[in-house]
Amino acid sequence: MKGIGRVLAAALLLALGCEQSHQAGSSGSNWLRCETLADCGAAADAMACDEGFCVDDDGDRIAVIDVKDSGAAPKAEAGPDARAPEPSDASVREPCAWGADALLNRVGADVGGRANCGLFGTGSSAAEIAAARECFESAVSAAIPVEITISNCTDCWIPTTYVATAAGERFAVLMAQDHFSANRLREAKVEACDDIVVVEASEIIDLSCVAPNVLYACTEPLDAPLAPYKLADVPMPPGENGVSLHLYVSNQSFERPLAEINVYLDGAYVVTGDFDVGSQHNWHEFEIAVPPGSLSLRAIMPEGSAELDQQIEVPAERWAVLNYWFYPDEPAGEHFTLTLHDQRPLLN
């Protein structure tokens, strides 16, 4: 990602010009790349190399993960010294899992529907952190999955999310993006913890994972596309039941084929990532728990001029579709559209 567009939050149909949909939630950000059809040898269903990507007989791009999971053997090149081509590292590397949900899923932790005891930064007091940990322990005692997130970087977004399952298993989930060093790396890590305790060092108040055991670790270049992911639910008062907002987000612009989109709900930073236009049939679904009632939804495209602020009503489970558009020759130019639905929309 370029710049620090992802900062700590203060607290924790559609007008389509195309037809036929890919499945909502498909990544679209790690396609199998090629210069010639021979470079697509690892994909059994590859029929052509089109604009630098391997495509099947329907003209759809082939995802690297589809090749990996298919078990297809590489096709041999002609000639006596023939061997399967070796794609670049970028086309074969499995992207780092990113986002607390994706990372916890990677290690098999069952923490769905967890309560949220808050997001905290460097300005948080010892009393606030202690109260959040008490909230955390109360949820554990009641066999409720729960989380607390803390970022102790003054001018960047390096959150650690501390999580407990209903059974009391505890984890620390770190996500770091190093914008300042020459290495410019993105790091994700999941640790199992014997306990989670409050620590004080100088003026910094933090939580700590006791006896950490690394279950997953991954590092990748910071400039690699960041697959869209959910950051958090919207904080709710203790004891209040939330409702589900199913948010679909899509990049509909061939002018900006990879667009960073950030979404906030009532000030809570809930969704981010690089959204690939693909063939304009590429929606990502995020299920976000929100307090019932009126909410403000804000969408930002940091590298462009698109921004949307819209009030929405979510009295019960609802579905919203957010699209990013950019047509330089049209009056509307770069912009977002948002529609709200009482049932799952048909994306076509």
Protein backbone atom coordinates (compact mmCIF):
# COMPACT_ATOMS: atom_id res chain seq x y z
CA MET A 1 0.00 0.00 0.00
CA LYS A 2 1.25 3.45 -0.71
CA GLY A 3 1.12 6.02 2.07
CA ILE A 4 -0.49 5.48 5.46
CA GLY A 5 -4.11 5.33 4.38
CA ARG A 6 -4.95 2.82 7.09
CA VAL A 7 -4.91 4.58 10.47
CA LEU A 8 -6.32 3.69 13.85
CA ALA A 9 -10.05 4.35 14.15
CA ALA A 10 -11.24 6.63 16.90
CA ALA A 11 -13.06 3.77 18.64
CA LEU A 12 -13.39 0.69 17.45
CA LEU A 13 -29.60 -3.13 -8.69
CA LEU A 14 -26.79 -1.33 -8.61
CA ALA A 15 -25.93 0.55 -11.74
CA LEU A 16 -23.83 -2.08 -13.50
CA GLY A 17 -22.71 -1.77 -17.11
CA CYS A 18 -21.95 -5.48 -17.37
CA GLU A 19 -23.58 -8.90 -17.06
CA GLN A 20 -22.78 -12.22 -15.35
CA SER A 21 -21.20 -12.35 -11.90
CA HIS A 22 -18.24 -14.11 -10.37
CA GLN A 23 -18.85 -15.47 -6.90
CA ALA A 24 -18.92 -12.75 -4.28
CA GLY A 25 -15.80 -12.73 -2.15
CA SER A 26 -13.40 -13.97 -4.85
CA SER A 27 -10.01 -12.42 -4.35
CA GLY A 28 -9.14 -11.30 -7.87
CA SER A 29 -5.77 -9.97 -6.63
CA ASN A 30 -3.41 -12.92 -7.30
CA TRP A 31 -3.97 -14.06 -10.87
CA LEU A 32 -1.58 -16.41 -12.69
CA ARG A 33 0.62 -14.16 -14.85
CA CYS A 34 2.20 -14.95 -18.22
CA GLU A 35 4.04 -13.63 -21.26
CA THR A 36 3.10 -16.54 -23.50
CA LEU A 37 0.70 -19.49 -23.20
CA ALA A 38 3.67 -21.68 -22.24
CA ASP A 39 3.89 -19.74 -18.95
CA CYS A 40 0.40 -21.06 -18.08
CA GLY A 41 1.62 -24.66 -18.06
CA ALA A 42 0.66 -25.23 -14.41
CA ALA A 43 -3.01 -24.51 -15.18
CA ALA A 44 -4.75 -27.38 -16.94
CA ASP A 45 -7.66 -25.17 -18.03
CA ALA A 46 -5.53 -22.34 -19.45
CA MET A 47 -6.42 -21.58 -23.08
CA ALA A 48 -4.59 -18.30 -23.71
CA CYS A 49 -2.29 -15.62 -22.33
CA ASP A 50 -4.42 -12.45 -22.46
CA GLU A 51 -2.93 -9.08 -21.49
CA GLY A 52 -0.38 -10.72 -19.17
CA PHE A 53 -2.78 -13.18 -17.45
CA CYS A 54 -3.63 -16.84 -18.05
CA VAL A 55 -7.32 -17.22 -19.00
CA ASP A 56 -9.66 -20.19 -19.49
CA ASP A 57 -11.92 -20.89 -22.48
CA ASP A 58 -14.48 -18.38 -21.13
CA GLY A 59 -11.83 -15.65 -21.07
CA ASP A 60 -11.77 -15.56 -17.23
CA ARG A 61 -8.45 -15.11 -15.44
CA ILE A 62 -7.11 -18.11 -13.51
CA ALA A 63 -6.22 -17.54 -9.84
CA VAL A 64 -2.91 -18.88 -8.53
CA ILE A 65 -4.69 -20.61 -5.63
CA ASP A 66 -6.90 -22.46 -8.14
CA VAL A 67 -3.78 -23.82 -9.82
CA LYS A 68 -2.24 -24.77 -6.48
CA ASP A 69 -5.37 -26.57 -5.28
CA SER A 70 -6.09 -28.34 -8.57
CA GLY A 71 -3.12 -30.65 -8.39
CA ALA A 72 -2.60 -30.18 -12.13
CA ALA A 73 0.79 -31.22 -13.42
CA PRO A 74 2.76 -28.62 -15.39
CA LYS A 75 2.58 -28.94 -19.17
CA ALA A 76 5.88 -29.69 -20.88
CA GLU A 77 7.42 -27.41 -23.47
CA ALA A 78 8.44 -28.83 -26.84
CA GLY A 79 12.06 -29.77 -27.49
CA PRO A 80 14.63 -32.20 -26.10
CA ASP A 81 15.42 -30.04 -23.04
CA ALA A 82 11.80 -29.24 -22.36
CA ARG A 83 10.76 -28.44 -18.80
CA ALA A 84 7.88 -26.60 -17.17
CA PRO A 85 8.37 -22.83 -17.11
CA GLU A 86 9.14 -21.27 -13.75
CA PRO A 87 6.76 -18.36 -13.08
CA SER A 88 8.03 -15.37 -11.13
CA ASP A 89 7.87 -15.53 -7.33
CA ALA A 90 5.00 -13.03 -7.36
CA SER A 91 2.82 -15.39 -9.37
CA VAL A 92 3.40 -18.51 -7.25
CA ARG A 93 3.74 -17.13 -3.72
CA GLU A 94 0.70 -17.64 -1.54
CA PRO A 95 -0.25 -14.22 -0.17
CA CYS A 96 -0.01 -13.68 3.58
CA ALA A 97 -3.28 -14.12 5.40
CA TRP A 98 -4.37 -10.66 6.54
CA GLY A 99 -7.04 -9.45 8.94
CA ALA A 100 -7.83 -11.00 12.34
CA ASP A 101 -10.54 -13.29 10.93
CA ALA A 102 -8.39 -14.62 8.09
CA LEU A 103 -5.39 -15.18 10.37
CA LEU A 104 -7.39 -16.96 13.04
CA ASN A 105 -9.04 -19.11 10.40
CA ARG A 106 -5.57 -20.03 9.13
CA VAL A 107 -4.71 -21.62 12.50
CA GLY A 108 -8.13 -23.23 12.96
CA ALA A 109 -9.31 -21.02 15.84
CA ASP A 110 -13.11 -20.91 16.24
CA VAL A 111 -13.76 -17.28 17.23
CA GLY A 112 -16.83 -16.37 15.20
CA GLY A 113 -19.33 -13.94 16.70
CA ARG A 114 -16.86 -12.62 19.25
CA ALA A 115 -17.51 -9.65 21.52
CA ASN A 116 -15.29 -6.59 21.12
CA CYS A 117 -13.79 -4.94 24.20
CA GLY A 118 -12.32 -2.06 22.22
CA LEU A 119 -9.59 -0.52 20.05
CA PHE A 120 -6.80 1.37 21.81
CA GLY A 121 -3.83 3.50 20.77
CA THR A 122 -0.85 5.17 22.40
CA GLY A 123 -3.05 7.74 24.13
CA SER A 124 -5.02 5.13 26.09
CA SER A 125 -4.72 5.20 29.86
CA ALA A 126 -3.87 2.36 32.22
CA ALA A 127 -7.43 2.50 33.54
CA GLU A 128 -8.88 2.11 30.02
CA ILE A 129 -6.66 -0.88 29.25
CA ALA A 130 -7.41 -2.47 32.63
CA ALA A 131 -11.17 -2.00 32.06
CA ALA A 132 -10.87 -3.56 28.60
CA ARG A 133 -9.04 -6.56 30.03
CA GLU A 134 -11.76 -6.92 32.70
CA CYS A 135 -14.33 -6.89 29.87
CA PHE A 136 -12.22 -9.55 28.13
CA GLU A 137 -12.01 -11.79 31.20
CA SER A 138 -15.75 -11.42 31.89
CA ALA A 139 -16.49 -12.68 28.37
CA VAL A 140 -14.09 -15.61 28.85
CA SER A 141 -15.83 -16.51 32.14
CA ALA A 142 -19.17 -16.47 30.31
CA ALA A 143 -17.77 -18.67 27.48
CA ILE A 144 -18.16 -15.85 24.94
CA PRO A 145 -15.49 -15.39 22.21
CA VAL A 146 -13.91 -11.94 22.66
CA GLU A 147 -11.19 -9.60 21.39
CA ILE A 148 -9.21 -6.44 22.29
CA THR A 149 -7.04 -4.58 19.76
CA ILE A 150 -4.09 -2.31 20.64
CA SER A 151 -1.76 -0.34 18.34
CA ASN A 152 1.25 1.17 20.11
CA CYS A 153 2.72 2.91 17.06
CA THR A 154 2.30 6.69 17.27
CA ASP A 155 2.13 7.37 13.53
CA CYS A 156 1.29 4.03 11.92
CA TRP A 157 -1.13 1.12 12.08
CA ILE A 158 0.49 -1.90 13.79
CA PRO A 159 -2.37 -3.57 15.65
CA THR A 160 -2.19 -6.62 17.86
CA THR A 161 -5.58 -8.23 18.43
CA TYR A 162 -5.84 -10.38 21.55
CA VAL A 163 -8.54 -13.02 21.19
CA ALA A 164 -10.12 -15.75 23.30
CA THR A 165 -12.38 -18.56 22.13
CA ALA A 166 -15.50 -19.69 23.98
CA ALA A 167 -13.36 -22.50 25.41
CA GLY A 168 -10.85 -19.99 26.79
CA GLU A 169 -8.03 -20.55 24.29
CA ARG A 170 -6.08 -17.31 23.84
CA PHE A 171 -4.29 -15.86 20.84
CA ALA A 172 -2.34 -12.76 19.84
CA VAL A 173 -2.72 -11.65 16.21
CA LEU A 174 -0.13 -9.15 14.94
CA MET A 175 -0.35 -7.18 11.69
CA ALA A 176 2.54 -4.82 10.90
CA GLN A 177 3.23 -2.67 7.85
CA ASP A 178 6.74 -1.18 7.71
CA HIS A 179 6.44 1.97 5.61
CA PHE A 180 9.63 3.58 6.88
CA SER A 181 12.54 1.14 6.50
CA ALA A 182 14.28 0.27 3.24
CA ASN A 183 12.83 -3.25 3.46
CA ARG A 184 9.19 -2.07 3.26
CA LEU A 185 7.62 -5.30 4.46
CA ARG A 186 4.22 -6.47 5.67
CA GLU A 187 4.22 -9.01 8.49
CA ALA A 188 1.43 -11.14 9.94
CA LYS A 189 1.72 -13.49 12.92
CA VAL A 190 -0.55 -15.58 15.17
CA GLU A 191 0.62 -16.78 18.58
CA ALA A 192 -1.09 -19.05 21.11
CA CYS A 193 -0.89 -17.61 24.63
CA ASP A 194 -1.05 -19.20 28.08
CA ASP A 195 -2.54 -15.92 29.32
CA ILE A 196 -2.96 -12.26 28.31
CA VAL A 197 -1.82 -9.71 30.90
CA VAL A 198 -1.47 -5.93 31.25
CA VAL A 199 2.09 -4.57 31.11
CA GLU A 200 3.41 -1.08 31.79
CA ALA A 201 6.72 0.12 30.33
CA SER A 202 7.55 3.80 30.87
CA GLU A 203 4.44 5.66 29.70
CA ILE A 204 3.21 2.85 27.41
CA ILE A 205 0.36 0.64 28.58
CA ASP A 206 -0.02 -2.60 26.66
CA LEU A 207 -1.18 -6.20 26.81
CA SER A 208 1.20 -9.12 26.52
CA CYS A 209 0.93 -12.73 25.38
CA VAL A 210 2.31 -15.04 28.08
CA ALA A 211 4.48 -17.95 26.83
CA PRO A 212 3.80 -17.22 23.14
CA ASN A 213 3.83 -20.12 20.70
CA VAL A 214 3.97 -19.04 17.04
CA LEU A 215 1.29 -20.85 15.02
CA TYR A 216 1.54 -18.83 11.81
CA ALA A 217 3.98 -16.23 10.48
CA CYS A 218 4.23 -14.62 7.07
CA THR A 219 6.18 -11.73 5.54
CA GLU A 220 5.70 -10.18 2.11
CA PRO A 221 6.64 -6.95 0.27
CA LEU A 222 4.58 -4.01 1.42
CA ASP A 223 3.82 -3.02 -2.17
CA ALA A 224 2.27 -6.41 -2.93
CA PRO A 225 -1.51 -6.06 -3.39
CA LEU A 226 -3.33 -6.46 -0.10
CA ALA A 227 -6.31 -8.78 -0.47
CA PRO A 228 -9.49 -7.05 0.81
CA TYR A 229 -10.36 -8.00 4.36
CA LYS A 230 -12.54 -7.06 7.32
CA LEU A 231 -10.81 -5.19 10.14
CA ALA A 232 -13.51 -5.17 12.79
CA ASP A 233 -17.17 -5.01 13.72
CA VAL A 234 -18.72 -1.78 14.98
CA PRO A 235 -18.37 -1.44 18.78
CA MET A 236 -21.59 -1.89 20.76
CA PRO A 237 -22.52 -1.15 24.37
CA PRO A 238 -22.05 -4.16 26.69
CA GLY A 239 -25.00 -6.50 26.58
CA GLU A 240 -26.49 -5.03 23.40
CA ASN A 241 -27.10 -7.44 20.53
CA GLY A 242 -25.92 -6.36 17.11
CA VAL A 243 -27.40 -7.05 13.69
CA SER A 244 -25.62 -8.16 10.54
CA LEU A 245 -24.81 -5.74 7.73
CA HIS A 246 -23.66 -7.68 4.66
CA LEU A 247 -21.43 -5.24 2.80
CA TYR A 248 -20.48 -6.00 -0.82
CA VAL A 249 -17.59 -3.93 -2.21
CA SER A 250 -16.40 -3.85 -5.83
CA ASN A 251 -14.01 -1.93 -8.07
CA GLN A 252 -15.84 -1.20 -11.35
CA SER A 253 -13.08 0.81 -13.05
CA PHE A 254 -10.74 -0.44 -15.76
CA GLU A 255 -9.07 2.99 -15.53
CA ARG A 256 -7.86 2.07 -12.04
CA PRO A 257 -7.69 -1.75 -12.12
CA LEU A 258 -6.37 -2.03 -8.54
CA ALA A 259 -8.00 0.41 -6.13
CA GLU A 260 -7.34 0.80 -2.40
CA ILE A 261 -10.73 1.25 -0.72
CA ASN A 262 -11.25 2.00 2.97
CA VAL A 263 -14.67 1.81 4.66
CA TYR A 264 -15.75 3.23 8.01
CA LEU A 265 -19.03 2.70 9.88
CA ASP A 266 -19.81 5.25 12.60
CA GLY A 267 -16.08 6.06 12.70
CA ALA A 268 -14.99 2.42 13.11
CA TYR A 269 -12.50 1.30 10.47
CA VAL A 270 -14.16 -1.90 9.19
CA VAL A 271 -12.89 -2.82 5.69
CA THR A 272 -9.75 -2.18 3.67
CA GLY A 273 -7.68 -3.67 0.86
CA ASP A 274 -6.75 -3.44 -2.82
CA PHE A 275 -9.79 -4.27 -4.94
CA ASP A 276 -9.06 -5.73 -8.38
CA VAL A 277 -11.51 -4.79 -11.14
CA GLY A 278 -11.04 -8.20 -12.78
CA SER A 279 -13.76 -8.37 -15.41
CA GLN A 280 -16.06 -6.06 -13.40
CA HIS A 281 -17.81 -9.10 -11.85
CA ASN A 282 -15.79 -9.17 -8.65
CA TRP A 283 -17.65 -8.43 -5.40
CA HIS A 284 -16.23 -9.07 -1.93
CA GLU A 285 -18.73 -9.74 0.85
CA PHE A 286 -18.05 -8.68 4.44
CA GLU A 287 -20.46 -9.54 7.26
CA ILE A 288 -20.20 -6.78 9.85
CA ALA A 289 -21.97 -6.72 13.22
CA VAL A 290 -23.45 -3.25 13.84
CA PRO A 291 -25.73 -1.71 16.48
CA PRO A 292 -29.30 -1.54 15.10
CA GLY A 293 -30.45 1.88 13.93
CA SER A 294 -28.94 4.74 11.94
CA LEU A 295 -25.28 4.50 10.89
CA SER A 296 -22.90 6.69 8.92
CA LEU A 297 -20.99 4.88 6.16
CA ARG A 298 -17.85 6.53 4.81
CA ALA A 299 -15.84 5.17 1.86
CA ILE A 300 -12.47 6.60 0.76
CA MET A 301 -10.16 5.89 -2.18
CA PRO A 302 -6.89 7.42 -0.82
CA GLU A 303 -5.06 7.58 -4.16
CA GLY A 304 -7.93 9.29 -5.97
CA SER A 305 -10.68 11.79 -5.35
CA ALA A 306 -13.56 9.40 -4.67
CA GLU A 307 -15.21 9.76 -1.28
CA LEU A 308 -18.68 8.95 -0.02
CA ASP A 309 -20.48 9.86 3.22
CA GLN A 310 -23.96 8.44 3.54
CA GLN A 311 -26.37 7.77 6.38
CA ILE A 312 -27.98 4.33 6.29
CA GLU A 313 -30.70 2.66 8.35
CA VAL A 314 -30.02 -0.86 9.62
CA PRO A 315 -32.88 -1.78 11.96
CA ALA A 316 -32.33 -5.49 11.28
CA GLU A 317 -30.21 -7.67 8.98
CA ARG A 318 -29.58 -5.79 5.72
CA TRP A 319 -27.38 -5.90 2.61
CA ALA A 320 -25.41 -2.98 1.14
CA VAL A 321 -23.54 -2.74 -2.17
CA LEU A 322 -20.67 -0.26 -2.49
CA ASN A 323 -19.15 0.24 -5.96
CA TYR A 324 -16.16 2.36 -7.01
CA TRP A 325 -16.38 3.93 -10.49
CA PHE A 326 -13.94 5.95 -12.59
CA TYR A 327 -14.68 7.07 -16.15
CA PRO A 328 -12.44 10.09 -16.92
CA ASP A 329 -14.51 11.20 -19.93
CA GLU A 330 -17.84 11.24 -18.08
CA PRO A 331 -19.15 14.10 -15.87
CA ALA A 332 -19.47 11.88 -12.79
CA GLY A 333 -15.75 11.10 -12.96
CA GLU A 334 -14.38 9.19 -9.97
CA HIS A 335 -17.03 8.30 -7.41
CA PHE A 336 -18.73 5.68 -5.23
CA THR A 337 -22.33 4.46 -5.32
CA LEU A 338 -24.08 2.79 -2.40
CA THR A 339 -27.38 0.90 -2.40
CA LEU A 340 -29.15 -0.74 0.54
CA HIS A 341 -31.36 -3.86 0.34
CA ASP A 342 -33.72 -5.81 2.60
CA GLN A 343 -32.58 -9.11 1.10
CA ARG A 344 -29.48 -10.51 -0.57
CA PRO A 345 -29.01 -8.62 -3.87
CA LEU A 346 -28.61 -10.39 -7.19
CA LEU A 347 -25.18 -9.38 -8.48
CA ASN A 348 -25.06 -9.91 -12.21
